[in-house]
Structure formats: structure tokens, C-alpha cells
Amino acid sequence: MNDYSAPQDLLQDKIILITGAGDGIGRQAALTYAAHGATCILLGRTVSKLEAVYDEICANKGPEPSDCPSRHKRCYTKPLSANVPNYH
């Protein structure tokens, strides 16, 4: 079996929306995508969990994510470009 190791910049300049980003598989996906250079939009219901993932990504020197609680009005009243840097 071949061992594959993804390059650190594999997802550079990519923007990825992660649902359920505060816990479990969504949390791990967000941390992994950010570790490979992606800007993550963190979507979930629990603000404190999203903030913890946000802080962990920043502490690991990943691209600054955008957190968006699923019940937060900001996510629905502003265009995506207002929440995500470099979104066109």
C-alpha cells in the first residue's frame, strides 16, 4: 500500500463550508482543511463550540475562518461575501 501525505498547501486559496463544524467529524474536517490552507466557513448550532474550533484554527496558524451559527441572523441577512474574505 502506498503512503500518501497531502501537501500543506493542497487547499490554499480554497473556501470550504463545513456543516456541524463545532463537534465530531465536522470539527475534525475544519481543522484538517485549515491545516492544508483552506479558509473555512464554520457552520453549526452551538456558538461556544464554533468559537473553540475558530480559536484552534487560529492558534495553529491556519487561515482565519468565518464562523456562522446556524441560528445567527448575520448568516442570512448579509451576502456570503460579507462573511468570507475574498469571496466573489
N, C-alpha and C. Protein backbone atom coordinates (compact mmCIF):
# COMPACT_ATOMS: atom_id res chain seq x y z
N MET A 1 0.84 -1.18 0.00
CA MET A 1 0.00 0.00 0.00
C MET A 1 0.88 1.24 0.00
N ASN A 2 0.53 2.21 -0.80
CA ASN A 2 1.29 3.45 -0.86
C ASN A 2 0.90 4.39 0.26
N ASP A 3 1.89 5.04 0.84
CA ASP A 3 1.62 6.05 1.86
C ASP A 3 1.51 7.40 1.17
N TYR A 4 0.41 8.08 1.41
CA TYR A 4 0.20 9.40 0.80
C TYR A 4 0.16 10.44 1.90
N SER A 5 0.86 11.51 1.68
CA SER A 5 0.84 12.64 2.60
C SER A 5 0.49 13.89 1.79
N ALA A 6 -0.64 14.48 2.10
CA ALA A 6 -1.10 15.66 1.36
C ALA A 6 -0.17 16.84 1.62
N PRO A 7 0.15 17.61 0.58
CA PRO A 7 0.97 18.80 0.77
C PRO A 7 0.25 19.81 1.68
N GLN A 8 1.03 20.55 2.46
CA GLN A 8 0.46 21.53 3.38
C GLN A 8 -0.37 22.59 2.66
N ASP A 9 -0.06 22.90 1.42
CA ASP A 9 -0.79 23.95 0.69
C ASP A 9 -1.82 23.37 -0.29
N LEU A 10 -2.21 22.14 -0.10
CA LEU A 10 -3.14 21.46 -1.01
C LEU A 10 -4.44 22.25 -1.23
N LEU A 11 -4.95 22.89 -0.18
CA LEU A 11 -6.23 23.60 -0.26
C LEU A 11 -6.06 25.11 -0.22
N GLN A 12 -4.86 25.58 -0.46
CA GLN A 12 -4.58 27.02 -0.49
C GLN A 12 -5.54 27.72 -1.44
N ASP A 13 -6.08 28.86 -1.04
CA ASP A 13 -6.99 29.67 -1.84
C ASP A 13 -8.35 29.01 -2.09
N LYS A 14 -8.69 27.99 -1.32
CA LYS A 14 -10.00 27.35 -1.41
C LYS A 14 -10.83 27.79 -0.23
N ILE A 15 -12.13 27.93 -0.45
CA ILE A 15 -13.07 28.28 0.62
C ILE A 15 -14.02 27.10 0.77
N ILE A 16 -14.12 26.56 1.99
CA ILE A 16 -14.92 25.36 2.22
C ILE A 16 -15.91 25.62 3.34
N LEU A 17 -17.19 25.32 3.09
CA LEU A 17 -18.25 25.41 4.09
C LEU A 17 -18.34 24.07 4.80
N ILE A 18 -18.20 24.08 6.13
CA ILE A 18 -18.28 22.85 6.91
C ILE A 18 -19.49 22.93 7.82
N THR A 19 -20.44 22.02 7.60
CA THR A 19 -21.61 21.95 8.48
C THR A 19 -21.26 21.09 9.68
N GLY A 20 -21.85 21.42 10.82
CA GLY A 20 -21.55 20.68 12.04
C GLY A 20 -20.11 20.84 12.47
N ALA A 21 -19.55 22.03 12.23
CA ALA A 21 -18.13 22.27 12.45
C ALA A 21 -17.73 22.35 13.92
N GLY A 22 -18.68 22.39 14.82
CA GLY A 22 -18.34 22.54 16.23
C GLY A 22 -17.96 21.26 16.94
N ASP A 23 -18.23 20.11 16.32
CA ASP A 23 -18.04 18.86 17.04
C ASP A 23 -17.84 17.70 16.05
N GLY A 24 -17.26 16.63 16.51
CA GLY A 24 -17.17 15.39 15.76
C GLY A 24 -16.44 15.50 14.43
N ILE A 25 -17.03 14.86 13.41
CA ILE A 25 -16.42 14.82 12.09
C ILE A 25 -16.28 16.22 11.49
N GLY A 26 -17.29 17.08 11.67
CA GLY A 26 -17.23 18.44 11.14
C GLY A 26 -16.08 19.23 11.74
N ARG A 27 -15.88 19.08 13.03
CA ARG A 27 -14.77 19.77 13.71
C ARG A 27 -13.44 19.29 13.14
N GLN A 28 -13.27 17.99 13.03
CA GLN A 28 -12.01 17.44 12.53
C GLN A 28 -11.79 17.83 11.07
N ALA A 29 -12.86 17.85 10.29
CA ALA A 29 -12.73 18.27 8.89
C ALA A 29 -12.25 19.72 8.82
N ALA A 30 -12.84 20.60 9.63
CA ALA A 30 -12.44 22.01 9.63
C ALA A 30 -10.97 22.17 9.99
N LEU A 31 -10.54 21.46 11.03
CA LEU A 31 -9.14 21.55 11.46
C LEU A 31 -8.19 21.03 10.38
N THR A 32 -8.57 19.94 9.74
CA THR A 32 -7.74 19.34 8.69
C THR A 32 -7.69 20.22 7.45
N TYR A 33 -8.84 20.71 7.01
CA TYR A 33 -8.87 21.57 5.82
C TYR A 33 -8.05 22.84 6.05
N ALA A 34 -8.20 23.43 7.24
CA ALA A 34 -7.44 24.64 7.56
C ALA A 34 -5.94 24.35 7.61
N ALA A 35 -5.58 23.19 8.13
CA ALA A 35 -4.17 22.81 8.20
C ALA A 35 -3.54 22.69 6.81
N HIS A 36 -4.39 22.46 5.82
CA HIS A 36 -3.91 22.35 4.43
C HIS A 36 -4.19 23.61 3.62
N GLY A 37 -4.49 24.72 4.33
CA GLY A 37 -4.56 26.02 3.68
C GLY A 37 -5.93 26.55 3.32
N ALA A 38 -6.99 25.81 3.56
CA ALA A 38 -8.33 26.26 3.19
C ALA A 38 -8.85 27.31 4.18
N THR A 39 -9.61 28.26 3.66
CA THR A 39 -10.37 29.17 4.50
C THR A 39 -11.70 28.48 4.76
N CYS A 40 -12.03 28.27 6.01
CA CYS A 40 -13.23 27.50 6.37
C CYS A 40 -14.35 28.42 6.85
N ILE A 41 -15.55 28.10 6.41
CA ILE A 41 -16.76 28.72 6.96
C ILE A 41 -17.31 27.69 7.93
N LEU A 42 -17.33 28.03 9.19
CA LEU A 42 -17.76 27.10 10.24
C LEU A 42 -19.25 27.29 10.52
N LEU A 43 -20.04 26.28 10.20
CA LEU A 43 -21.48 26.35 10.39
C LEU A 43 -21.89 25.35 11.45
N GLY A 44 -22.69 25.79 12.40
CA GLY A 44 -23.16 24.90 13.45
C GLY A 44 -24.13 25.61 14.36
N ARG A 45 -24.68 24.87 15.32
CA ARG A 45 -25.71 25.43 16.20
C ARG A 45 -25.17 26.01 17.50
N THR A 46 -24.02 25.54 17.95
CA THR A 46 -23.52 25.93 19.27
C THR A 46 -22.36 26.91 19.12
N VAL A 47 -22.62 28.15 19.46
CA VAL A 47 -21.64 29.22 19.28
C VAL A 47 -20.34 28.91 20.02
N SER A 48 -20.42 28.44 21.24
CA SER A 48 -19.21 28.19 22.02
C SER A 48 -18.33 27.12 21.36
N LYS A 49 -18.93 26.12 20.75
CA LYS A 49 -18.15 25.08 20.06
C LYS A 49 -17.51 25.64 18.80
N LEU A 50 -18.25 26.46 18.06
CA LEU A 50 -17.69 27.08 16.86
C LEU A 50 -16.52 27.99 17.22
N GLU A 51 -16.68 28.75 18.30
CA GLU A 51 -15.61 29.64 18.75
C GLU A 51 -14.36 28.85 19.14
N ALA A 52 -14.55 27.69 19.75
CA ALA A 52 -13.40 26.86 20.15
C ALA A 52 -12.65 26.35 18.91
N VAL A 53 -13.39 25.94 17.87
CA VAL A 53 -12.76 25.48 16.63
C VAL A 53 -12.06 26.65 15.95
N TYR A 54 -12.73 27.80 15.92
CA TYR A 54 -12.15 29.03 15.36
C TYR A 54 -10.81 29.33 16.04
N ASP A 55 -10.82 29.32 17.37
CA ASP A 55 -9.60 29.62 18.13
C ASP A 55 -8.50 28.60 17.87
N GLU A 56 -8.88 27.33 17.74
CA GLU A 56 -7.87 26.29 17.50
C GLU A 56 -7.24 26.45 16.12
N ILE A 57 -8.05 26.79 15.11
CA ILE A 57 -7.51 27.01 13.77
C ILE A 57 -6.53 28.19 13.80
N CYS A 58 -6.92 29.26 14.45
CA CYS A 58 -6.04 30.44 14.53
C CYS A 58 -4.77 30.13 15.32
N ALA A 59 -4.89 29.38 16.40
CA ALA A 59 -3.72 29.02 17.20
C ALA A 59 -2.74 28.16 16.40
N ASN A 60 -3.26 27.38 15.46
CA ASN A 60 -2.42 26.53 14.62
C ASN A 60 -1.93 27.26 13.38
N LYS A 61 -2.14 28.58 13.34
CA LYS A 61 -1.69 29.44 12.24
C LYS A 61 -2.38 29.15 10.91
N GLY A 62 -3.61 28.63 10.98
CA GLY A 62 -4.39 28.40 9.76
C GLY A 62 -5.02 29.70 9.29
N PRO A 63 -5.57 29.71 8.07
CA PRO A 63 -6.26 30.91 7.58
C PRO A 63 -7.45 31.23 8.50
N GLU A 64 -7.66 32.51 8.75
CA GLU A 64 -8.74 32.89 9.66
C GLU A 64 -10.09 32.43 9.11
N PRO A 65 -10.80 31.59 9.88
CA PRO A 65 -12.09 31.10 9.42
C PRO A 65 -13.20 32.12 9.65
N SER A 66 -14.36 31.81 9.10
CA SER A 66 -15.56 32.59 9.36
C SER A 66 -16.52 31.67 10.10
N ASP A 67 -16.96 32.09 11.29
CA ASP A 67 -17.91 31.24 12.00
C ASP A 67 -19.31 31.78 11.79
N CYS A 68 -20.25 30.88 11.67
CA CYS A 68 -21.61 31.26 11.32
C CYS A 68 -22.60 30.32 12.01
N PRO A 69 -23.02 30.65 13.24
CA PRO A 69 -24.00 29.80 13.89
C PRO A 69 -25.27 29.70 13.04
N SER A 70 -25.85 28.53 12.95
CA SER A 70 -26.99 28.32 12.05
C SER A 70 -28.21 29.14 12.42
N ARG A 71 -28.28 29.62 13.64
CA ARG A 71 -29.42 30.45 14.04
C ARG A 71 -29.08 31.94 14.06
N HIS A 72 -27.90 32.28 13.63
CA HIS A 72 -27.43 33.66 13.69
C HIS A 72 -27.94 34.44 12.49
N LYS A 73 -28.63 35.56 12.73
CA LYS A 73 -29.20 36.36 11.65
C LYS A 73 -28.16 36.84 10.64
N ARG A 74 -26.94 37.12 11.11
CA ARG A 74 -25.89 37.63 10.23
C ARG A 74 -25.70 36.72 9.03
N CYS A 75 -25.89 35.44 9.21
CA CYS A 75 -25.66 34.48 8.13
C CYS A 75 -26.71 34.57 7.03
N TYR A 76 -27.86 35.08 7.36
CA TYR A 76 -28.94 35.09 6.39
C TYR A 76 -29.28 36.49 5.87
N THR A 77 -28.82 37.51 6.57
CA THR A 77 -29.17 38.87 6.16
C THR A 77 -28.07 39.55 5.36
N LYS A 78 -26.88 38.99 5.35
CA LYS A 78 -25.77 39.56 4.58
C LYS A 78 -25.37 38.57 3.49
N PRO A 79 -24.87 39.07 2.38
CA PRO A 79 -24.36 38.14 1.37
C PRO A 79 -23.13 37.40 1.88
N LEU A 80 -22.87 36.24 1.32
CA LEU A 80 -21.73 35.44 1.74
C LEU A 80 -20.44 36.22 1.69
N SER A 81 -20.33 37.13 0.74
CA SER A 81 -19.10 37.92 0.61
C SER A 81 -18.84 38.79 1.84
N ALA A 82 -19.87 39.09 2.63
CA ALA A 82 -19.69 39.88 3.84
C ALA A 82 -19.06 39.05 4.96
N ASN A 83 -19.21 37.73 4.90
CA ASN A 83 -18.68 36.85 5.94
C ASN A 83 -17.38 36.19 5.56
N VAL A 84 -17.09 36.11 4.27
CA VAL A 84 -15.93 35.36 3.80
C VAL A 84 -14.99 36.27 3.03
N PRO A 85 -13.75 36.39 3.49
CA PRO A 85 -12.81 37.22 2.75
C PRO A 85 -12.52 36.62 1.38
N ASN A 86 -12.36 37.47 0.40
CA ASN A 86 -12.02 37.08 -0.98
C ASN A 86 -13.09 36.25 -1.68
N TYR A 87 -14.33 36.30 -1.20
CA TYR A 87 -15.42 35.58 -1.87
C TYR A 87 -16.02 36.51 -2.93
N HIS A 88 -16.16 36.05 -4.14
CA HIS A 88 -16.69 36.88 -5.22
C HIS A 88 -17.95 36.27 -5.77
